[in-house]
Protein backbone atom coordinates (compact mmCIF):
# COMPACT_ATOMS: atom_id res chain seq x y z
CA MET A 1 47.07 -30.91 47.24
CA THR A 2 48.46 -27.73 45.73
CA TRP A 3 49.61 -29.74 42.94
CA VAL A 4 46.31 -31.54 42.42
CA VAL A 5 44.68 -28.33 42.15
CA ILE A 6 46.98 -26.84 39.84
CA GLY A 7 46.59 -29.93 37.74
CA LEU A 8 42.92 -29.52 37.46
CA VAL A 9 43.24 -26.00 36.59
CA VAL A 10 45.68 -26.89 33.88
CA VAL A 11 43.38 -29.66 32.36
CA VAL A 12 40.24 -27.17 32.44
CA ALA A 13 42.40 -24.70 30.68
CA ILE A 14 43.43 -27.41 28.04
CA VAL A 15 39.99 -28.62 27.39
CA ALA A 16 38.59 -24.97 27.13
CA TYR A 17 41.08 -23.98 24.63
CA GLY A 18 40.54 -27.21 22.75
CA MET A 19 36.93 -26.42 22.57
CA LEU A 20 37.65 -23.21 21.19
CA CYS A 21 40.00 -24.85 18.41
CA VAL A 22 37.19 -27.16 17.58
CA PRO A 23 34.20 -25.07 16.68
CA VAL A 24 30.82 -26.39 15.85
CA LEU A 25 28.96 -24.62 13.23
CA ARG A 26 24.99 -24.55 13.01
CA GLU A 27 23.33 -25.39 9.78
CA TYR A 28 22.51 -21.95 9.16
CA GLU A 29 26.07 -20.83 9.83
CA ARG A 30 29.39 -20.70 7.56
CA GLY A 31 32.79 -20.15 8.76
CA VAL A 32 35.26 -17.97 6.99
CA VAL A 33 38.80 -19.06 8.24
CA PHE A 34 42.08 -17.33 8.05
CA ARG A 35 45.28 -19.15 8.82
CA LEU A 36 48.15 -16.85 9.50
CA GLY A 37 46.08 -14.20 7.73
CA ARG A 38 45.43 -16.09 4.67
CA LEU A 39 42.03 -17.23 3.44
CA ARG A 40 41.09 -20.78 4.00
CA PRO A 41 38.45 -22.64 2.13
CA LEU A 42 34.85 -21.91 3.41
CA SER A 43 33.82 -24.19 6.44
CA GLU A 44 30.51 -26.01 6.08
CA PRO A 45 28.45 -26.94 9.13
CA GLY A 46 29.66 -29.40 11.63
CA LEU A 47 32.50 -29.89 13.82
CA ARG A 48 35.73 -28.18 12.43
CA LEU A 49 39.20 -28.25 13.62
CA LEU A 50 41.39 -25.22 13.95
CA LEU A 51 45.07 -25.00 14.63
CA PRO A 52 45.76 -23.45 17.70
CA ALA A 53 47.25 -20.08 17.49
CA ALA A 54 47.19 -20.14 13.85
CA ASP A 55 43.65 -20.12 12.63
CA ARG A 56 40.90 -17.67 13.22
CA ILE A 57 37.35 -18.24 12.27
CA ILE A 58 34.49 -15.81 11.49
CA ARG A 59 31.03 -17.00 11.75
CA VAL A 60 28.51 -15.64 9.20
CA ASP A 61 24.81 -16.05 9.51
CA LEU A 62 23.06 -16.86 6.39
CA ARG A 63 19.50 -16.34 7.87
CA VAL A 64 17.07 -13.30 6.91
CA VAL A 65 18.07 -10.13 8.64
CA THR A 66 15.26 -7.78 9.42
CA LEU A 67 16.64 -4.18 9.52
CA THR A 68 14.55 -1.27 10.70
CA ILE A 69 15.33 2.15 8.78
CA PRO A 70 14.92 4.93 11.40
CA PRO A 71 12.65 7.78 10.36
CA GLN A 72 14.04 9.98 7.44
CA GLU A 73 13.36 13.38 6.69
CA VAL A 74 12.29 13.71 3.16
CA ILE A 75 11.40 16.63 1.08
CA THR A 76 9.02 15.38 -1.85
CA ARG A 77 9.49 16.83 -5.51
CA ASP A 78 6.39 18.93 -4.74
CA ASN A 79 8.09 20.57 -1.69
CA VAL A 80 6.24 18.67 1.04
CA PRO A 81 8.28 17.71 4.23
CA ALA A 82 7.47 14.18 5.44
CA ARG A 83 9.08 11.71 7.88
CA VAL A 84 9.55 8.26 6.32
CA ASN A 85 10.81 5.06 7.86
CA ALA A 86 11.06 1.59 6.31
CA VAL A 87 12.07 -1.96 6.68
CA VAL A 88 14.52 -4.02 4.73
CA LEU A 89 14.75 -7.89 4.60
CA PHE A 90 18.30 -9.08 3.62
CA GLN A 91 20.67 -12.01 3.83
CA VAL A 92 23.98 -13.17 2.97
CA ILE A 93 24.57 -15.06 -0.05
CA ASP A 94 28.27 -15.29 -0.37
CA PRO A 95 30.16 -15.54 3.35
CA VAL A 96 33.55 -14.94 1.80
CA ARG A 97 32.49 -11.51 0.10
CA SER A 98 30.55 -10.49 3.13
CA VAL A 99 33.80 -10.63 5.09
CA MET A 100 36.45 -9.78 2.51
CA ALA A 101 34.48 -6.98 0.76
CA VAL A 102 33.21 -4.92 3.46
CA GLU A 103 33.96 -4.26 7.13
CA ASN A 104 30.71 -4.89 8.46
CA TYR A 105 27.91 -5.68 5.95
CA ALA A 106 24.88 -5.04 8.43
CA VAL A 107 25.96 -1.56 9.23
CA ALA A 108 26.93 -0.76 5.67
CA THR A 109 23.62 -1.99 4.27
CA SER A 110 21.89 -0.01 6.84
CA GLN A 111 23.61 3.32 5.75
CA ILE A 112 23.01 2.27 2.23
CA ALA A 113 19.21 1.69 2.62
CA GLN A 114 18.96 5.21 4.47
CA THR A 115 20.50 7.08 1.75
CA THR A 116 18.84 5.49 -0.90
CA LEU A 117 15.38 5.94 0.95
CA ARG A 118 16.06 9.59 1.09
CA SER A 119 17.27 9.97 -2.74
CA VAL A 120 14.15 7.88 -4.33
CA LEU A 121 11.44 9.35 -2.20
CA GLY A 122 12.91 12.81 -2.97
CA ARG A 123 12.07 12.33 -6.50
CA ALA A 124 8.51 11.48 -6.15
CA ASP A 125 5.60 13.88 -5.30
CA LEU A 126 3.53 13.25 -2.28
CA ASP A 127 0.60 11.62 -4.32
CA THR A 128 2.98 8.99 -5.63
CA LEU A 129 4.50 8.29 -2.17
CA LEU A 130 0.92 7.86 -0.84
CA ALA A 131 -0.66 5.95 -3.62
CA HIS A 132 2.14 4.18 -5.44
CA ARG A 133 4.31 2.51 -2.61
CA ASP A 134 4.70 -0.71 -4.27
CA ASP A 135 6.31 0.89 -7.00
CA LEU A 136 8.74 2.86 -4.83
CA ASN A 137 9.37 -0.43 -2.86
CA GLN A 138 10.54 -2.17 -5.89
CA ASP A 139 12.79 0.77 -6.98
CA LEU A 140 14.21 0.85 -3.44
CA ARG A 141 14.81 -2.83 -3.32
CA LYS A 142 16.61 -2.90 -6.79
CA ILE A 143 18.78 0.14 -6.11
CA ILE A 144 19.95 -1.12 -2.55
CA ASP A 145 20.26 -4.52 -3.91
CA ASP A 146 22.48 -3.56 -6.93
CA GLN A 147 24.87 -1.81 -4.38
CA THR A 148 25.06 -4.66 -1.80
CA GLU A 149 25.48 -7.39 -4.34
CA PRO A 150 29.41 -6.96 -4.60
CA TRP A 151 29.49 -7.44 -0.68
CA GLY A 152 27.49 -10.89 -1.17
CA VAL A 153 24.55 -9.43 0.53
CA GLN A 154 21.05 -10.08 -1.23
CA VAL A 155 18.02 -7.43 -0.45
CA ASN A 156 14.65 -9.48 -0.55
CA VAL A 157 12.29 -7.08 0.50
CA VAL A 158 11.93 -3.36 1.17
CA GLN A 159 8.64 -2.00 2.66
CA ILE A 160 7.87 1.87 3.38
CA LYS A 161 6.07 1.37 6.83
CA ASP A 162 4.96 4.87 8.03
CA ILE A 163 4.66 8.44 6.32
CA GLU A 164 4.31 11.38 8.49
CA ILE A 165 3.21 14.59 6.98
CA PRO A 166 2.46 17.89 8.64
CA GLU A 167 -1.00 18.63 10.13
CA ALA A 168 -1.48 21.64 7.89
CA MET A 169 -1.05 19.36 4.85
CA GLN A 170 -3.39 16.89 6.37
CA ARG A 171 -6.20 19.10 6.96
CA ALA A 172 -5.73 20.58 3.30
CA MET A 173 -5.73 17.02 1.85
CA ALA A 174 -8.93 16.41 3.86
CA ARG A 175 -10.67 19.35 2.38
CA GLU A 176 -9.41 18.41 -1.19
CA ALA A 177 -10.99 14.93 -0.58
CA GLU A 178 -14.14 16.34 0.67
CA ALA A 179 -14.39 18.80 -2.23
CA GLU A 180 -13.74 15.80 -4.72
CA ARG A 181 -16.56 13.75 -3.13
CA GLU A 182 -18.90 16.85 -3.51
CA ARG A 183 -17.98 17.17 -7.19
CA ARG A 184 -18.65 13.59 -7.79
CA ALA A 185 -21.87 13.72 -5.96
CA LYS A 186 -23.13 16.69 -8.02
CA ILE A 187 -22.21 14.92 -11.33
CA ILE A 188 -23.85 11.76 -10.08
CA ASN A 189 -27.02 13.88 -9.53
CA ALA A 190 -26.89 15.68 -12.75
CA ARG A 191 -26.65 12.37 -14.64
CA GLY A 192 -29.55 11.08 -12.63
CA GLU A 193 -31.60 14.33 -13.59
CA LEU A 194 -30.73 13.80 -17.27
CA GLN A 195 -31.70 10.30 -17.42
CA ALA A 196 -34.87 10.91 -15.42
CA SER A 197 -35.75 13.81 -18.00
CA GLU A 198 -34.95 11.64 -20.90
CA GLU A 199 -37.45 8.96 -19.78
CA LEU A 200 -40.19 11.55 -19.02
CA ARG A 201 -39.89 12.70 -22.47
CA GLN A 202 -39.97 9.16 -23.93
CA ALA A 203 -43.16 8.39 -21.69
CA ALA A 204 -44.74 11.67 -23.01
CA ASP A 205 -44.27 10.97 -26.58
CA THR A 206 -45.65 7.43 -26.05
CA LEU A 207 -48.80 8.95 -24.36
CA SER A 208 -49.28 11.67 -27.05
CA ARG A 209 -49.38 8.99 -29.79
CA SER A 210 -52.33 7.31 -28.14
CA PRO A 211 -55.24 9.43 -26.87
CA ALA A 212 -56.94 6.40 -25.34
CA SER A 213 -53.58 5.71 -23.22
CA LEU A 214 -53.70 9.41 -21.91
CA GLN A 215 -57.28 9.10 -20.81
CA LEU A 216 -56.52 5.81 -18.94
CA ARG A 217 -53.65 7.58 -17.24
CA TYR A 218 -56.16 10.35 -16.03
CA LEU A 219 -58.63 7.67 -14.74
CA GLN A 220 -55.85 5.95 -12.91
CA THR A 221 -54.76 9.36 -11.19
CA LEU A 222 -58.18 10.07 -10.25
CA LEU A 223 -58.42 6.37 -8.71
CA GLU A 224 -55.15 6.93 -6.74
CA LEU A 225 -56.17 10.18 -5.65
CA GLY A 226 -59.73 9.17 -4.59
CA ALA A 227 -58.03 6.61 -1.99
CA ASP A 228 -57.98 9.59 0.49
CA HIS A 229 -61.21 10.60 1.32
CA ASN A 230 -60.46 13.86 3.03
CA SER A 231 -58.75 15.38 0.31
CA THR A 232 -60.32 17.86 -2.32
CA VAL A 233 -58.80 17.55 -5.68
CA VAL A 234 -59.07 19.97 -8.75
CA PHE A 235 -58.53 17.76 -11.89
CA PRO A 236 -58.19 19.30 -15.26
CA LEU A 237 -59.98 17.55 -17.91
CA PRO A 238 -58.84 17.76 -21.57
CA LEU A 239 -60.83 19.67 -24.01
CA ASP A 240 -61.82 16.92 -26.36
CA ILE A 241 -63.58 15.22 -23.54
CA VAL A 242 -65.79 18.26 -22.50
CA GLY A 243 -65.87 20.04 -25.86
CA PRO A 244 -69.11 18.34 -27.11
CA PHE A 245 -70.82 19.02 -23.83
CA LEU A 246 -70.00 22.61 -24.15
CA ASN A 247 -70.98 22.84 -27.61
CA GLN A 248 -74.55 21.60 -26.80
CA ILE A 249 -74.97 24.43 -24.08
CA VAL A 250 -73.72 27.22 -25.95
CA LYS A 251 -75.66 26.08 -29.26
CA PRO A 252 -78.52 28.62 -29.94
CA SER A 253 -82.24 27.25 -29.90
CA ALA A 254 -83.74 26.76 -33.31
CA PRO A 255 -86.51 29.14 -34.05
CA ILE A 256 -90.24 27.69 -33.88
């Protein structure tokens, strides 16, 4: 009985060791194989046979990796402190270089992204940081990708997520925005007054060239005011209308 148990254990150990020597690579994986320390050709997806005790395989994932950059303390070009975090999407495009050129490509990419984030945003002022994120994202992506390209790592996207600034600066920016809105409102009001005065001037010029139109305007105004029977209206009359009547009243009577 003891020999049977020992035999089963040996068989299970051999099967387990054989499974380790025959790895299966998934479609999104590649295998970097070292035989006695020497690099072998890249292993494609599928069932791969390894020599026991001689081969060692390193699996490399080719899928896009999402890397979150922790908040970084940044001082902008106009001396405003801010906390900025970002997200980086990268993937391995050369499995061999990702193993041979760098010890841990994920950690190295994270460190490069953090230092580049502080460097690039430190050269921009606060207005650029808030209003031109797309341009900064493109600059960050290009700089990080240039540094990770020798490792066989391609940076696809860099996005600035959150920007935290001190509360005092937020209040100052709110006051500035309010003052800017008031300035625009005053400018719009002044332009409206200017346009209205110009229209009134043109209307006055038109009426002055036609006395009959002026009289009709007077009559129309009287009609509008007469709709309210409880109001008393004092309406001036032009001298050219009442002048003849006044001349008849003040004219001296002829001698008999």
